[in-house]
Amino acid sequence: MKTLQRLTKVALIGATVAAFAGCADMTPKQRNTAIGAGAGAVGGAILTEGSALGTLGGAAVGGVIGNVVTDDKKK
């Protein structure tokens, strides 16, 4: 069980790093949605001790929040 949790955490960190690296030519709204999803996934995994459902739920909520709080205008 600990191996699965460790693998999940490594995968989440890798996905977060990849999302940050791919944000170079995104609009601010797209970038903040991706960052929110990554942060939400990490938060959901931490709060639910690695539960897949908690990780996905956190990613969804974080992505929605990142999308909603960002204006559509490019600054």
N, C-alpha and C. Protein backbone atom coordinates (compact mmCIF):
# COMPACT_ATOMS: atom_id res chain seq x y z
N MET A 1 0.82 -1.20 0.00
CA MET A 1 0.00 0.00 0.00
C MET A 1 0.86 1.25 0.00
N LYS A 2 1.95 1.23 0.78
CA LYS A 2 2.81 2.40 0.81
C LYS A 2 3.50 2.62 -0.53
N THR A 3 3.80 1.54 -1.23
CA THR A 3 4.42 1.67 -2.55
C THR A 3 3.47 2.38 -3.51
N LEU A 4 2.19 2.04 -3.47
CA LEU A 4 1.20 2.67 -4.33
C LEU A 4 1.06 4.15 -3.99
N GLN A 5 1.04 4.48 -2.72
CA GLN A 5 0.94 5.89 -2.32
C GLN A 5 2.18 6.66 -2.76
N ARG A 6 3.33 6.07 -2.61
CA ARG A 6 4.57 6.74 -3.03
C ARG A 6 4.57 6.95 -4.54
N LEU A 7 4.14 5.93 -5.29
CA LEU A 7 4.07 6.04 -6.74
C LEU A 7 3.06 7.12 -7.16
N THR A 8 1.95 7.20 -6.46
CA THR A 8 0.94 8.23 -6.75
C THR A 8 1.51 9.62 -6.52
N LYS A 9 2.22 9.80 -5.43
CA LYS A 9 2.80 11.11 -5.14
C LYS A 9 3.84 11.50 -6.18
N VAL A 10 4.67 10.56 -6.59
CA VAL A 10 5.68 10.84 -7.62
C VAL A 10 5.01 11.19 -8.94
N ALA A 11 3.95 10.47 -9.28
CA ALA A 11 3.22 10.76 -10.52
C ALA A 11 2.58 12.14 -10.48
N LEU A 12 2.02 12.51 -9.34
CA LEU A 12 1.41 13.83 -9.20
C LEU A 12 2.44 14.94 -9.31
N ILE A 13 3.58 14.75 -8.68
CA ILE A 13 4.64 15.75 -8.77
C ILE A 13 5.12 15.88 -10.21
N GLY A 14 5.29 14.75 -10.88
CA GLY A 14 5.70 14.78 -12.28
C GLY A 14 4.68 15.47 -13.17
N ALA A 15 3.41 15.20 -12.94
CA ALA A 15 2.36 15.84 -13.73
C ALA A 15 2.31 17.34 -13.47
N THR A 16 2.52 17.73 -12.23
CA THR A 16 2.53 19.15 -11.89
C THR A 16 3.69 19.86 -12.57
N VAL A 17 4.86 19.25 -12.52
CA VAL A 17 6.04 19.85 -13.18
C VAL A 17 5.80 19.96 -14.68
N ALA A 18 5.24 18.93 -15.28
CA ALA A 18 4.96 18.97 -16.72
C ALA A 18 3.94 20.05 -17.06
N ALA A 19 2.94 20.21 -16.20
CA ALA A 19 1.94 21.26 -16.44
C ALA A 19 2.56 22.64 -16.35
N PHE A 20 3.44 22.84 -15.38
CA PHE A 20 4.10 24.14 -15.26
C PHE A 20 5.00 24.40 -16.46
N ALA A 21 5.69 23.40 -16.94
CA ALA A 21 6.59 23.57 -18.09
C ALA A 21 5.81 23.85 -19.37
N GLY A 22 4.63 23.32 -19.48
CA GLY A 22 3.83 23.52 -20.69
C GLY A 22 3.02 24.80 -20.69
N CYS A 23 3.16 25.62 -19.68
CA CYS A 23 2.36 26.84 -19.55
C CYS A 23 2.99 28.05 -20.23
N ALA A 24 4.05 27.88 -20.98
CA ALA A 24 4.81 29.02 -21.51
C ALA A 24 3.98 29.91 -22.44
N ASP A 25 3.26 29.34 -23.39
CA ASP A 25 2.51 30.18 -24.31
C ASP A 25 1.00 30.00 -24.18
N MET A 26 0.55 29.72 -22.99
CA MET A 26 -0.88 29.63 -22.71
C MET A 26 -1.40 31.02 -22.34
N THR A 27 -2.71 31.19 -22.49
CA THR A 27 -3.32 32.42 -21.99
C THR A 27 -3.31 32.35 -20.47
N PRO A 28 -3.44 33.49 -19.80
CA PRO A 28 -3.48 33.45 -18.34
C PRO A 28 -4.59 32.55 -17.79
N LYS A 29 -5.74 32.53 -18.46
CA LYS A 29 -6.86 31.70 -17.99
C LYS A 29 -6.51 30.22 -18.10
N GLN A 30 -5.91 29.81 -19.22
CA GLN A 30 -5.50 28.41 -19.39
C GLN A 30 -4.42 28.04 -18.39
N ARG A 31 -3.45 28.92 -18.20
CA ARG A 31 -2.35 28.65 -17.28
C ARG A 31 -2.88 28.50 -15.85
N ASN A 32 -3.75 29.41 -15.42
CA ASN A 32 -4.26 29.34 -14.05
C ASN A 32 -5.19 28.15 -13.84
N THR A 33 -5.88 27.72 -14.89
CA THR A 33 -6.70 26.51 -14.79
C THR A 33 -5.81 25.29 -14.58
N ALA A 34 -4.72 25.20 -15.35
CA ALA A 34 -3.79 24.07 -15.20
C ALA A 34 -3.10 24.09 -13.85
N ILE A 35 -2.67 25.26 -13.41
CA ILE A 35 -2.02 25.37 -12.10
C ILE A 35 -3.00 25.01 -10.99
N GLY A 36 -4.24 25.49 -11.10
CA GLY A 36 -5.26 25.15 -10.11
C GLY A 36 -5.54 23.66 -10.05
N ALA A 37 -5.58 23.02 -11.22
CA ALA A 37 -5.81 21.58 -11.27
C ALA A 37 -4.65 20.82 -10.62
N GLY A 38 -3.43 21.24 -10.91
CA GLY A 38 -2.27 20.58 -10.30
C GLY A 38 -2.23 20.76 -8.80
N ALA A 39 -2.46 21.98 -8.35
CA ALA A 39 -2.45 22.25 -6.91
C ALA A 39 -3.60 21.53 -6.22
N GLY A 40 -4.76 21.51 -6.87
CA GLY A 40 -5.91 20.80 -6.31
C GLY A 40 -5.68 19.31 -6.21
N ALA A 41 -5.02 18.74 -7.21
CA ALA A 41 -4.72 17.31 -7.19
C ALA A 41 -3.78 16.97 -6.03
N VAL A 42 -2.76 17.79 -5.85
CA VAL A 42 -1.84 17.56 -4.74
C VAL A 42 -2.56 17.71 -3.41
N GLY A 43 -3.36 18.76 -3.28
CA GLY A 43 -4.12 18.97 -2.05
C GLY A 43 -5.10 17.84 -1.77
N GLY A 44 -5.81 17.40 -2.81
CA GLY A 44 -6.75 16.30 -2.64
C GLY A 44 -6.06 15.01 -2.24
N ALA A 45 -4.89 14.76 -2.82
CA ALA A 45 -4.15 13.55 -2.47
C ALA A 45 -3.66 13.60 -1.03
N ILE A 46 -3.22 14.76 -0.61
CA ILE A 46 -2.73 14.90 0.77
C ILE A 46 -3.88 14.75 1.76
N LEU A 47 -4.99 15.41 1.49
CA LEU A 47 -6.12 15.38 2.43
C LEU A 47 -6.76 14.00 2.53
N THR A 48 -6.72 13.22 1.45
CA THR A 48 -7.36 11.90 1.47
C THR A 48 -6.35 10.77 1.53
N GLU A 49 -5.12 11.09 1.89
CA GLU A 49 -4.04 10.10 2.04
C GLU A 49 -3.84 9.26 0.78
N GLY A 50 -3.84 9.91 -0.38
CA GLY A 50 -3.53 9.23 -1.62
C GLY A 50 -4.71 8.60 -2.34
N SER A 51 -5.91 8.87 -1.90
CA SER A 51 -7.09 8.31 -2.56
C SER A 51 -7.20 8.85 -3.98
N ALA A 52 -7.45 7.97 -4.94
CA ALA A 52 -7.60 8.39 -6.33
C ALA A 52 -8.79 9.32 -6.50
N LEU A 53 -9.88 9.02 -5.83
CA LEU A 53 -11.07 9.86 -5.93
C LEU A 53 -10.80 11.25 -5.34
N GLY A 54 -10.11 11.31 -4.23
CA GLY A 54 -9.76 12.60 -3.63
C GLY A 54 -8.83 13.40 -4.52
N THR A 55 -7.90 12.72 -5.18
CA THR A 55 -6.97 13.39 -6.09
C THR A 55 -7.71 13.96 -7.29
N LEU A 56 -8.59 13.16 -7.89
CA LEU A 56 -9.36 13.64 -9.04
C LEU A 56 -10.32 14.76 -8.65
N GLY A 57 -10.95 14.61 -7.50
CA GLY A 57 -11.85 15.65 -7.03
C GLY A 57 -11.12 16.96 -6.77
N GLY A 58 -9.95 16.87 -6.15
CA GLY A 58 -9.14 18.06 -5.90
C GLY A 58 -8.71 18.72 -7.18
N ALA A 59 -8.33 17.92 -8.18
CA ALA A 59 -7.92 18.47 -9.48
C ALA A 59 -9.08 19.18 -10.16
N ALA A 60 -10.26 18.58 -10.09
CA ALA A 60 -11.43 19.20 -10.72
C ALA A 60 -11.78 20.52 -10.05
N VAL A 61 -11.82 20.52 -8.73
CA VAL A 61 -12.16 21.74 -8.00
C VAL A 61 -11.10 22.81 -8.22
N GLY A 62 -9.84 22.44 -8.16
CA GLY A 62 -8.77 23.40 -8.38
C GLY A 62 -8.80 23.99 -9.78
N GLY A 63 -9.07 23.16 -10.78
CA GLY A 63 -9.16 23.65 -12.15
C GLY A 63 -10.31 24.61 -12.34
N VAL A 64 -11.45 24.31 -11.75
CA VAL A 64 -12.60 25.20 -11.85
C VAL A 64 -12.31 26.53 -11.17
N ILE A 65 -11.71 26.48 -10.00
CA ILE A 65 -11.39 27.72 -9.29
C ILE A 65 -10.39 28.55 -10.09
N GLY A 66 -9.35 27.92 -10.61
CA GLY A 66 -8.37 28.64 -11.42
C GLY A 66 -8.99 29.26 -12.65
N ASN A 67 -9.97 28.61 -13.24
CA ASN A 67 -10.65 29.13 -14.43
C ASN A 67 -11.57 30.28 -14.07
N VAL A 68 -12.33 30.15 -13.01
CA VAL A 68 -13.34 31.14 -12.66
C VAL A 68 -12.72 32.45 -12.16
N VAL A 69 -11.65 32.37 -11.40
CA VAL A 69 -11.10 33.60 -10.82
C VAL A 69 -10.23 34.40 -11.79
N THR A 70 -9.96 33.87 -12.98
CA THR A 70 -9.12 34.57 -13.95
C THR A 70 -9.98 35.26 -15.00
N ASP A 71 -9.69 36.54 -15.26
CA ASP A 71 -10.40 37.28 -16.30
C ASP A 71 -10.08 36.71 -17.67
N ASP A 72 -10.98 36.93 -18.63
CA ASP A 72 -10.76 36.46 -19.99
C ASP A 72 -9.77 37.32 -20.76
N LYS A 73 -9.54 38.54 -20.32
CA LYS A 73 -8.64 39.44 -21.02
C LYS A 73 -7.19 39.04 -20.80
N LYS A 74 -6.40 39.12 -21.85
CA LYS A 74 -4.97 38.85 -21.74
C LYS A 74 -4.27 40.12 -21.29
N LYS A 75 -3.50 40.01 -20.22
CA LYS A 75 -2.85 41.20 -19.66
C LYS A 75 -1.40 41.24 -19.99
